[in-house]
Every structure is written in C-alpha cells, then in structure tokens.
Amino acid sequence: MTLSANAQVALVGRTPMGWGFDRARQSIVREFGEPTRVHHERLIYSKGCTFHGVNYDRAEFKFDDGLFNEAIFRCYVADKQSAQQLMDSVAAKMSGTFNLSKDKEDAGRWFYKGGKSPLKVGYLFTIYTYPHRGSYVTELRYGPVKFKKED
C-alpha cells in the first residue's frame, strides 16, 4: 500500500508525516532518543524533549492505521499568563521556519496556526493553551492527519 498521491511531504522535525511505524520510529528515535514508552502505536516522551529550541515536558508521536499522523508537544506551567507567554515564544521560534498566523477560537482564546497540511487543506500545526488540573498547558500539535491508503 502507498499513501494517496494527493498527499505532500510535511515534516515533524526530520520525520515525514505519513511514514509507516517502523521507519518513522527509527527517524524519531534518531532525533529525540529512545521514548519513555511505546503504547498502542504511540511513542511517548515524558522526561522532556527539545524541539525548535523549546524544552517540552511531554511529547507524543501518534500513528493511525500504521502511519505517522500526529505529534504533540506539551509544556505544563503554573498560570494562564505564563502559558500565553510561552505560546508566543514558541510561535516566535517557529516563525523562522514556517508562516504563522494568530487567530481567536470561538471561546475567545488566542492560538497560532502554521505550515501546510500534507493533504493540502488546512494547517500543519497549531500552538495553543488550555487549563489543566489547576495549572495550564502550552501545546504544539501537528495533525492529526487522516491519510488514505491506496492499494
């Protein structure tokens, strides 16, 4: 099976989205080291992971139907203001590589979106904040992308 011809290459670090589990895992491990654990087609880093100059507390690389389709990088911070400042900092660091725009959710929270989806519709990633267990999270999320396999 191969990916749909409509897909274009989109990288998370050095790993193309849409690669199969074994190939993508090798590439991810070369870039980020061994994951803390592998669970149901997810590579989980829970002891920190540096990406685009930011040290994240947790990272997950997810697969759907055996294809790399999502990456999530999270920083846990004490308050909303710190989360928003970190979101702006992540966006500033990524703006050297990607075109970004800032938008407001329906709920009124600001977020960034950037890059081009490998399916040529929408954005490759978003950067946003949200409350979590009495503190806040700044999250950089690539995907999820719904790749179609062709026989």
C-alpha atoms as a PDB file:
ATOM      1  CA  MET A   1       0.000   0.000   0.000  1.00  0.00           C
ATOM      2  CA  THR A   2       1.082   3.580  -0.603  1.00  0.00           C
ATOM      3  CA  LEU A   3      -0.182   6.961   0.507  1.00  0.00           C
ATOM      4  CA  SER A   4      -2.617   8.832  -1.640  1.00  0.00           C
ATOM      5  CA  ALA A   5      -0.927  10.770  -4.431  1.00  0.00           C
ATOM      6  CA  ASN A   6      -2.753  13.842  -3.126  1.00  0.00           C
ATOM      7  CA  ALA A   7      -0.520  13.971  -0.037  1.00  0.00           C
ATOM      8  CA  GLN A   8       2.518  16.290   0.050  1.00  0.00           C
ATOM      9  CA  VAL A   9       5.520  15.914   2.352  1.00  0.00           C
ATOM     10  CA  ALA A  10       5.155  17.542   5.776  1.00  0.00           C
ATOM     11  CA  LEU A  11       7.896  17.113   8.347  1.00  0.00           C
ATOM     12  CA  VAL A  12       7.820  16.964  12.127  1.00  0.00           C
ATOM     13  CA  GLY A  13      11.463  17.652  12.788  1.00  0.00           C
ATOM     14  CA  ARG A  14      13.184  15.318  10.330  1.00  0.00           C
ATOM     15  CA  THR A  15      10.359  12.764  10.075  1.00  0.00           C
ATOM     16  CA  PRO A  16       7.761  12.936   7.289  1.00  0.00           C
ATOM     17  CA  MET A  17       4.162  12.520   8.341  1.00  0.00           C
ATOM     18  CA  GLY A  18       2.629   9.502   6.632  1.00  0.00           C
ATOM     19  CA  TRP A  19       5.626   7.223   7.103  1.00  0.00           C
ATOM     20  CA  GLY A  20       4.968   3.734   8.434  1.00  0.00           C
ATOM     21  CA  PHE A  21       5.534   2.927  12.114  1.00  0.00           C
ATOM     22  CA  ASP A  22       8.927   1.213  11.896  1.00  0.00           C
ATOM     23  CA  ARG A  23      10.514   3.738   9.549  1.00  0.00           C
ATOM     24  CA  ALA A  24       9.077   6.745  11.415  1.00  0.00           C
ATOM     25  CA  ARG A  25      10.082   5.308  14.796  1.00  0.00           C
ATOM     26  CA  GLN A  26      13.701   4.936  13.658  1.00  0.00           C
ATOM     27  CA  SER A  27      13.751   8.544  12.459  1.00  0.00           C
ATOM     28  CA  ILE A  28      12.093   9.880  15.629  1.00  0.00           C
ATOM     29  CA  VAL A  29      14.487   7.926  17.870  1.00  0.00           C
ATOM     30  CA  ARG A  30      17.492   9.291  15.927  1.00  0.00           C
ATOM     31  CA  GLU A  31      16.247  12.831  16.560  1.00  0.00           C
ATOM     32  CA  PHE A  32      14.793  12.598  20.084  1.00  0.00           C
ATOM     33  CA  GLY A  33      16.351   9.470  21.622  1.00  0.00           C
ATOM     34  CA  GLU A  34      14.514   6.424  22.942  1.00  0.00           C
ATOM     35  CA  PRO A  35      10.931   7.090  24.063  1.00  0.00           C
ATOM     36  CA  THR A  36       9.952   6.644  27.697  1.00  0.00           C
ATOM     37  CA  ARG A  37       7.451   4.086  26.474  1.00  0.00           C
ATOM     38  CA  VAL A  38       5.696   2.768  23.383  1.00  0.00           C
ATOM     39  CA  HIS A  39       1.961   2.209  23.815  1.00  0.00           C
ATOM     40  CA  HIS A  40      -0.678   1.360  21.179  1.00  0.00           C
ATOM     41  CA  GLU A  41       1.079   2.969  18.208  1.00  0.00           C
ATOM     42  CA  ARG A  42       2.279   5.922  20.298  1.00  0.00           C
ATOM     43  CA  LEU A  43       5.832   6.904  21.158  1.00  0.00           C
ATOM     44  CA  ILE A  44       5.724   8.769  24.468  1.00  0.00           C
ATOM     45  CA  TYR A  45       8.458  11.000  25.855  1.00  0.00           C
ATOM     46  CA  SER A  46       7.619  12.005  29.435  1.00  0.00           C
ATOM     47  CA  LYS A  47      11.040  13.125  30.659  1.00  0.00           C
ATOM     48  CA  GLY A  48      11.429  16.138  28.434  1.00  0.00           C
ATOM     49  CA  CYS A  49      12.025  16.673  24.754  1.00  0.00           C
ATOM     50  CA  THR A  50      13.616  19.657  22.992  1.00  0.00           C
ATOM     51  CA  PHE A  51      12.056  20.780  19.719  1.00  0.00           C
ATOM     52  CA  HIS A  52      12.515  24.104  17.878  1.00  0.00           C
ATOM     53  CA  GLY A  53      14.563  25.356  20.824  1.00  0.00           C
ATOM     54  CA  VAL A  54      11.857  24.699  23.434  1.00  0.00           C
ATOM     55  CA  ASN A  55      12.194  22.064  26.159  1.00  0.00           C
ATOM     56  CA  TYR A  56       8.815  20.334  26.389  1.00  0.00           C
ATOM     57  CA  ASP A  57       7.693  18.313  29.410  1.00  0.00           C
ATOM     58  CA  ARG A  58       5.984  15.666  27.294  1.00  0.00           C
ATOM     59  CA  ALA A  59       5.862  14.650  23.644  1.00  0.00           C
ATOM     60  CA  GLU A  60       3.766  12.036  21.861  1.00  0.00           C
ATOM     61  CA  PHE A  61       4.135  10.743  18.336  1.00  0.00           C
ATOM     62  CA  LYS A  62       0.959   9.006  17.197  1.00  0.00           C
ATOM     63  CA  PHE A  63       0.106   6.642  14.380  1.00  0.00           C
ATOM     64  CA  ASP A  64      -3.203   5.826  12.745  1.00  0.00           C
ATOM     65  CA  ASP A  65      -3.526   2.611  10.767  1.00  0.00           C
ATOM     66  CA  GLY A  66       0.256   2.254  10.960  1.00  0.00           C
ATOM     67  CA  LEU A  67       1.021   5.738   9.554  1.00  0.00           C
ATOM     68  CA  PHE A  68       2.637   8.629  11.451  1.00  0.00           C
ATOM     69  CA  ASN A  69      -0.172  11.189  11.623  1.00  0.00           C
ATOM     70  CA  GLU A  70       0.175  13.338  14.759  1.00  0.00           C
ATOM     71  CA  ALA A  71       2.778  14.837  17.099  1.00  0.00           C
ATOM     72  CA  ILE A  72       2.003  16.648  20.337  1.00  0.00           C
ATOM     73  CA  PHE A  73       4.481  18.657  22.427  1.00  0.00           C
ATOM     74  CA  ARG A  74       3.329  19.935  25.846  1.00  0.00           C
ATOM     75  CA  CYS A  75       4.698  22.288  28.494  1.00  0.00           C
ATOM     76  CA  TYR A  76       2.993  22.432  31.882  1.00  0.00           C
ATOM     77  CA  VAL A  77       3.106  25.871  33.520  1.00  0.00           C
ATOM     78  CA  ALA A  78       1.671  27.445  36.663  1.00  0.00           C
ATOM     79  CA  ASP A  79      -0.719  30.038  35.256  1.00  0.00           C
ATOM     80  CA  LYS A  80      -2.529  31.405  32.226  1.00  0.00           C
ATOM     81  CA  GLN A  81      -0.162  34.333  31.701  1.00  0.00           C
ATOM     82  CA  SER A  82       2.898  32.029  31.672  1.00  0.00           C
ATOM     83  CA  ALA A  83       1.137  29.726  29.208  1.00  0.00           C
ATOM     84  CA  GLN A  84       0.334  32.609  26.864  1.00  0.00           C
ATOM     85  CA  GLN A  85       3.882  33.981  27.068  1.00  0.00           C
ATOM     86  CA  LEU A  86       5.279  30.539  26.281  1.00  0.00           C
ATOM     87  CA  MET A  87       2.827  30.172  23.373  1.00  0.00           C
ATOM     88  CA  ASP A  88       4.084  33.481  21.933  1.00  0.00           C
ATOM     89  CA  SER A  89       7.692  32.368  22.450  1.00  0.00           C
ATOM     90  CA  VAL A  90       7.118  29.024  20.676  1.00  0.00           C
ATOM     91  CA  ALA A  91       5.445  30.865  17.800  1.00  0.00           C
ATOM     92  CA  ALA A  92       8.337  33.331  17.537  1.00  0.00           C
ATOM     93  CA  LYS A  93      10.859  30.477  17.347  1.00  0.00           C
ATOM     94  CA  MET A  94       8.840  28.618  14.715  1.00  0.00           C
ATOM     95  CA  SER A  95       8.190  31.724  12.620  1.00  0.00           C
ATOM     96  CA  GLY A  96      11.732  31.475  11.241  1.00  0.00           C
ATOM     97  CA  THR A  97      10.767  28.190   9.564  1.00  0.00           C
ATOM     98  CA  PHE A  98       7.010  28.471   8.967  1.00  0.00           C
ATOM     99  CA  ASN A  99       4.466  31.106   8.017  1.00  0.00           C
ATOM    100  CA  LEU A 100       2.225  31.614  11.061  1.00  0.00           C
ATOM    101  CA  SER A 101      -0.976  33.467  11.749  1.00  0.00           C
ATOM    102  CA  LYS A 102      -2.651  34.274  15.050  1.00  0.00           C
ATOM    103  CA  ASP A 103      -6.371  33.715  15.439  1.00  0.00           C
ATOM    104  CA  LYS A 104      -9.026  33.576  18.123  1.00  0.00           C
ATOM    105  CA  GLU A 105     -11.081  30.493  18.976  1.00  0.00           C
ATOM    106  CA  ASP A 106     -14.842  30.752  19.335  1.00  0.00           C
ATOM    107  CA  ALA A 107     -14.269  30.575  23.105  1.00  0.00           C
ATOM    108  CA  GLY A 108     -12.095  33.708  22.883  1.00  0.00           C
ATOM    109  CA  ARG A 109      -8.637  32.141  23.401  1.00  0.00           C
ATOM    110  CA  TRP A 110      -5.809  33.101  21.077  1.00  0.00           C
ATOM    111  CA  PHE A 111      -3.854  30.470  19.156  1.00  0.00           C
ATOM    112  CA  TYR A 112      -1.371  30.224  16.299  1.00  0.00           C
ATOM    113  CA  LYS A 113      -1.630  28.100  13.179  1.00  0.00           C
ATOM    114  CA  GLY A 114       1.022  27.470  10.591  1.00  0.00           C
ATOM    115  CA  GLY A 115       2.635  25.315   7.973  1.00  0.00           C
ATOM    116  CA  LYS A 116       0.772  23.468   5.248  1.00  0.00           C
ATOM    117  CA  SER A 117      -1.117  20.261   5.841  1.00  0.00           C
ATOM    118  CA  PRO A 118       0.251  17.269   3.937  1.00  0.00           C
ATOM    119  CA  LEU A 119      -3.258  16.905   2.473  1.00  0.00           C
ATOM    120  CA  LYS A 120      -3.045  20.447   1.069  1.00  0.00           C
ATOM    121  CA  VAL A 121      -6.094  21.567   3.066  1.00  0.00           C
ATOM    122  CA  GLY A 122      -5.667  23.493   6.306  1.00  0.00           C
ATOM    123  CA  TYR A 123      -2.648  23.977   8.512  1.00  0.00           C
ATOM    124  CA  LEU A 124       0.125  21.617   9.574  1.00  0.00           C
ATOM    125  CA  PHE A 125       0.127  22.615  13.253  1.00  0.00           C
ATOM    126  CA  THR A 126      -1.446  24.747  15.957  1.00  0.00           C
ATOM    127  CA  ILE A 127       0.013  26.300  19.113  1.00  0.00           C
ATOM    128  CA  TYR A 128      -2.447  26.983  21.912  1.00  0.00           C
ATOM    129  CA  THR A 129      -3.026  26.986  25.666  1.00  0.00           C
ATOM    130  CA  TYR A 130      -5.626  25.446  27.940  1.00  0.00           C
ATOM    131  CA  PRO A 131      -6.269  24.918  31.660  1.00  0.00           C
ATOM    132  CA  HIS A 132      -5.285  21.525  33.078  1.00  0.00           C
ATOM    133  CA  ARG A 133      -5.684  20.276  36.664  1.00  0.00           C
ATOM    134  CA  GLY A 134      -5.273  23.649  38.340  1.00  0.00           C
ATOM    135  CA  SER A 135      -2.479  24.842  36.051  1.00  0.00           C
ATOM    136  CA  TYR A 136      -2.052  25.479  32.319  1.00  0.00           C
ATOM    137  CA  VAL A 137      -0.620  23.775  29.268  1.00  0.00           C
ATOM    138  CA  THR A 138       1.020  25.257  26.197  1.00  0.00           C
ATOM    139  CA  GLU A 139       0.686  22.760  23.374  1.00  0.00           C
ATOM    140  CA  LEU A 140       2.189  22.470  19.901  1.00  0.00           C
ATOM    141  CA  ARG A 141       0.165  19.953  17.877  1.00  0.00           C
ATOM    142  CA  TYR A 142       0.912  18.652  14.389  1.00  0.00           C
ATOM    143  CA  GLY A 143      -2.141  16.962  12.855  1.00  0.00           C
ATOM    144  CA  PRO A 144      -3.950  14.720  13.300  1.00  0.00           C
ATOM    145  CA  VAL A 145      -3.891  13.958   9.587  1.00  0.00           C
ATOM    146  CA  LYS A 146      -6.271  11.414   8.097  1.00  0.00           C
ATOM    147  CA  PHE A 147      -4.148   9.759   5.439  1.00  0.00           C
ATOM    148  CA  LYS A 148      -5.870   7.481   2.930  1.00  0.00           C
ATOM    149  CA  LYS A 149      -4.077   4.381   1.831  1.00  0.00           C
ATOM    150  CA  GLU A 150      -4.255   3.233  -1.765  1.00  0.00           C
ATOM    151  CA  ASP A 151      -3.766  -0.374  -2.835  1.00  0.00           C
END
